[in-house]
Amino acid sequence: MIKIAPSMLSADFSILRDELKSIEQAGADYLHIDIMDGHFVPNLTFGAPIVKAIRPHTTLPFDVHLMVTNPADYVEEYAKIGVEYFTFHQETVPHIHRLIQQIKANGMKAGVALNPGTPVATLEDVAADLDMILIMSVNPGFGGQTFIPRAVEKVKQAKILLETMGNHDAVIEVDGGINDITCIPIKDAGATLLVAGSAVFCAQDRANMIESIRNN
């Protein structure tokens, strides 16, 4: 089944607890949390204290996407909070395998994200160890961007890579410009977890939008 992870970046932060309850009741499967450092990406969001503060207010599993230059520094901290997926960017880490093992040793699932300009083939030697490949379908840093169609082909490549390596359990996630229209070719290509920010949080009927993205 296709799973949906609304992006907290698009929520109304003045009523964040209510926003989390809203998407939970609307049928979301995960909460996607974008951590940005203002260095790797040209934006600054929030860190572990905010993630820890919201943990008691939703039962949704946390899908944390670290757009930071030093993701290894945060592994233990996010593990203590109770994060399920800890995803870092391939472009930021020279020793990817080591970090994957560190994440798993701390009880989390390990994901690697790829910018639009980064080939899927760069994950060939670690694909068997991954719990998630995150294909960015926009350039990371800001919500509300337009979907990059090339992501569809990269999802196909990621699926082939995982199958070739015998990894049939890893999730293929896509993040950026996802709505009830752009989701169709992405799902057909093999994606199993879709991040939807403004499409969900700006919808008049959030439950209907989540259902549409899941089933269109």
Protein backbone atom coordinates (compact mmCIF):
# COMPACT_ATOMS: atom_id res chain seq x y z
CA MET A 1 0.00 0.00 0.00
CA ILE A 2 1.14 3.54 -0.78
CA LYS A 3 1.85 5.49 2.40
CA ILE A 4 1.61 9.25 2.86
CA ALA A 5 3.86 11.45 4.98
CA PRO A 6 2.63 15.06 5.21
CA SER A 7 5.53 17.47 5.62
CA MET A 8 5.47 19.46 8.84
CA LEU A 9 7.19 22.30 6.99
CA SER A 10 3.81 23.25 5.49
CA ALA A 11 1.90 23.23 8.78
CA ASP A 12 0.67 26.32 10.64
CA PHE A 13 3.22 26.54 13.44
CA SER A 14 1.01 28.81 15.53
CA ILE A 15 -1.32 25.84 16.08
CA LEU A 16 1.11 22.99 15.52
CA ARG A 17 -0.40 20.53 17.99
CA ASP A 18 -3.81 20.91 16.32
CA GLU A 19 -2.21 20.53 12.89
CA LEU A 20 -0.63 17.25 13.89
CA LYS A 21 -3.90 15.90 15.22
CA SER A 22 -5.62 17.01 12.02
CA ILE A 23 -3.36 15.07 9.65
CA GLU A 24 -3.36 12.07 11.95
CA GLN A 25 -7.15 11.97 11.88
CA ALA A 26 -7.07 12.55 8.11
CA GLY A 27 -5.25 9.26 7.60
CA ALA A 28 -1.56 10.16 7.35
CA ASP A 29 0.87 7.27 7.83
CA TYR A 30 3.97 9.25 8.88
CA LEU A 31 4.97 12.78 9.81
CA HIS A 32 7.79 14.00 7.57
CA ILE A 33 10.08 16.39 9.44
CA ASP A 34 12.59 18.50 7.50
CA ILE A 35 15.66 19.52 9.48
CA MET A 36 17.60 22.28 7.67
CA ASP A 37 20.80 23.93 8.87
CA GLY A 38 21.06 27.01 6.62
CA HIS A 39 24.35 25.61 5.31
CA PHE A 40 23.72 22.50 3.23
CA VAL A 41 20.45 24.10 2.11
CA PRO A 42 19.63 27.83 1.99
CA ASN A 43 17.02 27.68 4.73
CA LEU A 44 16.83 27.17 8.48
CA THR A 45 13.98 25.27 10.08
CA PHE A 46 14.05 23.56 13.49
CA GLY A 47 16.03 21.02 15.43
CA ALA A 48 15.78 18.26 17.98
CA PRO A 49 14.11 20.34 20.76
CA ILE A 50 11.06 20.97 18.56
CA VAL A 51 10.93 17.35 17.41
CA LYS A 52 11.12 16.21 21.03
CA ALA A 53 8.41 18.68 22.08
CA ILE A 54 5.89 17.39 19.53
CA ARG A 55 6.58 13.68 20.08
CA PRO A 56 3.93 13.32 22.85
CA HIS A 57 1.25 15.03 20.73
CA THR A 58 0.90 12.54 17.88
CA THR A 59 1.06 8.79 17.43
CA LEU A 60 2.39 9.14 13.88
CA PRO A 61 5.84 7.64 13.29
CA PHE A 62 8.50 10.29 12.64
CA ASP A 63 10.21 10.35 9.25
CA VAL A 64 13.08 12.78 9.82
CA HIS A 65 14.93 14.18 6.80
CA LEU A 66 18.21 15.84 7.73
CA MET A 67 19.34 18.44 5.21
CA VAL A 68 22.46 19.24 7.22
CA THR A 69 26.19 19.01 6.65
CA ASN A 70 26.92 16.90 9.74
CA PRO A 71 24.08 14.37 10.18
CA ALA A 72 26.18 11.94 12.23
CA ASP A 73 26.20 14.45 15.09
CA TYR A 74 22.45 14.01 15.58
CA VAL A 75 21.96 10.25 15.47
CA GLU A 76 21.88 9.57 19.21
CA GLU A 77 19.75 12.62 19.94
CA TYR A 78 17.02 11.68 17.47
CA ALA A 79 17.14 8.03 18.53
CA LYS A 80 16.34 9.07 22.09
CA ILE A 81 13.33 11.06 20.85
CA GLY A 82 11.89 7.99 19.15
CA VAL A 83 12.40 8.66 15.43
CA GLU A 84 11.61 5.79 13.05
CA TYR A 85 13.37 6.88 9.83
CA PHE A 86 16.60 8.89 10.01
CA THR A 87 17.46 10.04 6.48
CA PHE A 88 20.60 11.94 5.53
CA HIS A 89 21.91 13.25 2.22
CA GLN A 90 24.41 11.28 0.17
CA GLU A 91 26.04 14.58 -0.78
CA THR A 92 27.04 15.36 2.82
CA VAL A 93 28.69 12.17 4.03
CA PRO A 94 32.06 10.72 2.92
CA HIS A 95 31.59 7.46 4.85
CA ILE A 96 28.00 6.48 4.07
CA HIS A 97 28.22 2.86 5.17
CA ARG A 98 29.57 3.84 8.58
CA LEU A 99 26.71 6.26 9.19
CA ILE A 100 24.09 3.72 8.07
CA GLN A 101 25.43 1.27 10.62
CA GLN A 102 25.47 3.96 13.32
CA ILE A 103 21.82 4.78 12.65
CA LYS A 104 20.78 1.14 12.83
CA ALA A 105 22.84 0.52 15.96
CA ASN A 106 20.77 3.24 17.61
CA GLY A 107 17.50 1.50 16.76
CA MET A 108 16.38 3.63 13.81
CA LYS A 109 15.84 2.85 10.14
CA ALA A 110 18.45 4.32 7.81
CA GLY A 111 17.59 6.32 4.72
CA VAL A 112 19.71 8.14 2.17
CA ALA A 113 18.38 11.12 0.19
CA LEU A 114 19.50 12.11 -3.29
CA ASN A 115 19.33 15.64 -4.68
CA PRO A 116 17.92 16.04 -8.21
CA GLY A 117 21.45 16.21 -9.62
CA THR A 118 22.79 13.12 -7.80
CA PRO A 119 22.63 9.78 -9.66
CA VAL A 120 20.98 6.75 -8.08
CA ALA A 121 24.07 4.73 -9.01
CA THR A 122 26.02 6.45 -6.20
CA LEU A 123 24.13 4.17 -3.78
CA GLU A 124 25.09 0.92 -5.47
CA ASP A 125 27.49 -0.19 -2.75
CA VAL A 126 25.14 0.53 0.16
CA ALA A 127 21.74 -0.27 -1.33
CA ALA A 128 21.58 -3.67 0.35
CA ASP A 129 21.89 -2.01 3.78
CA LEU A 130 19.30 0.73 3.34
CA ASP A 131 15.80 0.94 4.76
CA MET A 132 14.90 3.86 2.50
CA ILE A 133 16.00 5.71 -0.61
CA LEU A 134 14.57 9.23 -0.73
CA ILE A 135 14.38 10.74 -4.21
CA MET A 136 14.15 14.52 -4.11
CA SER A 137 11.79 15.75 -6.81
CA VAL A 138 12.64 19.38 -6.06
CA ASN A 139 15.87 21.04 -5.00
CA PRO A 140 15.85 20.83 -1.19
CA GLY A 141 15.46 23.83 1.05
CA PHE A 142 11.95 25.20 0.57
CA GLY A 143 8.40 23.90 0.44
CA GLY A 144 5.90 24.58 -2.34
CA GLN A 145 8.26 23.99 -5.28
CA THR A 146 7.37 22.54 -8.68
CA PHE A 147 7.83 18.82 -9.25
CA ILE A 148 10.87 17.83 -11.39
CA PRO A 149 9.70 15.10 -13.84
CA ARG A 150 13.14 13.45 -14.01
CA ALA A 151 12.39 12.05 -10.55
CA VAL A 152 10.14 9.44 -12.14
CA GLU A 153 13.06 7.81 -13.95
CA LYS A 154 15.16 7.94 -10.79
CA VAL A 155 12.46 6.09 -8.87
CA LYS A 156 12.57 3.35 -11.53
CA GLN A 157 16.35 3.19 -11.18
CA ALA A 158 16.12 2.99 -7.39
CA LYS A 159 13.63 0.13 -7.63
CA ILE A 160 15.87 -1.81 -10.00
CA LEU A 161 18.90 -1.19 -7.78
CA LEU A 162 17.17 -2.44 -4.64
CA GLU A 163 15.83 -5.51 -6.43
CA THR A 164 19.26 -6.26 -7.90
CA MET A 165 20.80 -6.11 -4.45
CA GLY A 166 18.12 -8.37 -3.01
CA ASN A 167 16.71 -5.65 -0.78
CA HIS A 168 12.95 -6.12 -1.06
CA ASP A 169 12.04 -4.35 2.18
CA ALA A 170 13.45 -0.86 1.60
CA VAL A 171 11.05 2.01 1.03
CA ILE A 172 11.33 4.32 -1.97
CA GLU A 173 10.21 7.76 -0.84
CA VAL A 174 9.67 10.84 -3.03
CA ASP A 175 9.66 14.38 -1.70
CA GLY A 176 8.84 17.60 -3.52
CA GLY A 177 5.87 18.91 -5.47
CA ILE A 178 3.74 15.85 -4.75
CA ASN A 179 -0.01 16.23 -5.19
CA ASP A 180 -2.93 14.17 -6.47
CA ILE A 181 -1.67 14.57 -10.06
CA THR A 182 2.12 14.28 -9.83
CA CYS A 183 1.74 11.24 -7.59
CA ILE A 184 0.45 9.08 -10.45
CA PRO A 185 3.66 8.53 -12.49
CA ILE A 186 5.70 8.39 -9.28
CA LYS A 187 3.62 5.52 -7.91
CA ASP A 188 3.66 3.75 -11.27
CA ALA A 189 7.46 3.95 -11.20
CA GLY A 190 7.63 2.14 -7.86
CA ALA A 191 7.53 4.71 -5.06
CA THR A 192 5.91 3.46 -1.85
CA LEU A 193 6.06 6.50 0.46
CA LEU A 194 5.09 9.99 -0.71
CA VAL A 195 5.82 13.25 1.06
CA ALA A 196 3.10 15.84 0.51
CA GLY A 197 3.39 19.23 2.18
CA SER A 198 1.29 22.07 0.83
CA ALA A 199 -0.97 19.66 -1.07
CA VAL A 200 -2.20 18.24 2.24
CA PHE A 201 -1.91 21.14 4.66
CA CYS A 202 -3.48 23.65 2.23
CA ALA A 203 -6.34 21.33 1.22
CA GLN A 204 -9.84 22.18 2.41
CA ASP A 205 -10.42 18.47 2.97
CA ARG A 206 -7.15 16.93 4.12
CA ALA A 207 -8.54 13.42 4.43
CA ASN A 208 -9.80 13.55 0.86
CA MET A 209 -6.45 14.82 -0.42
CA ILE A 210 -4.51 12.10 1.39
CA GLU A 211 -6.90 9.50 -0.01
CA SER A 212 -6.57 10.95 -3.51
CA ILE A 213 -2.77 10.87 -3.40
CA ARG A 214 -2.85 7.33 -2.07
CA ASN A 215 -5.34 5.94 -4.61
CA ASN A 216 -5.19 8.04 -7.80
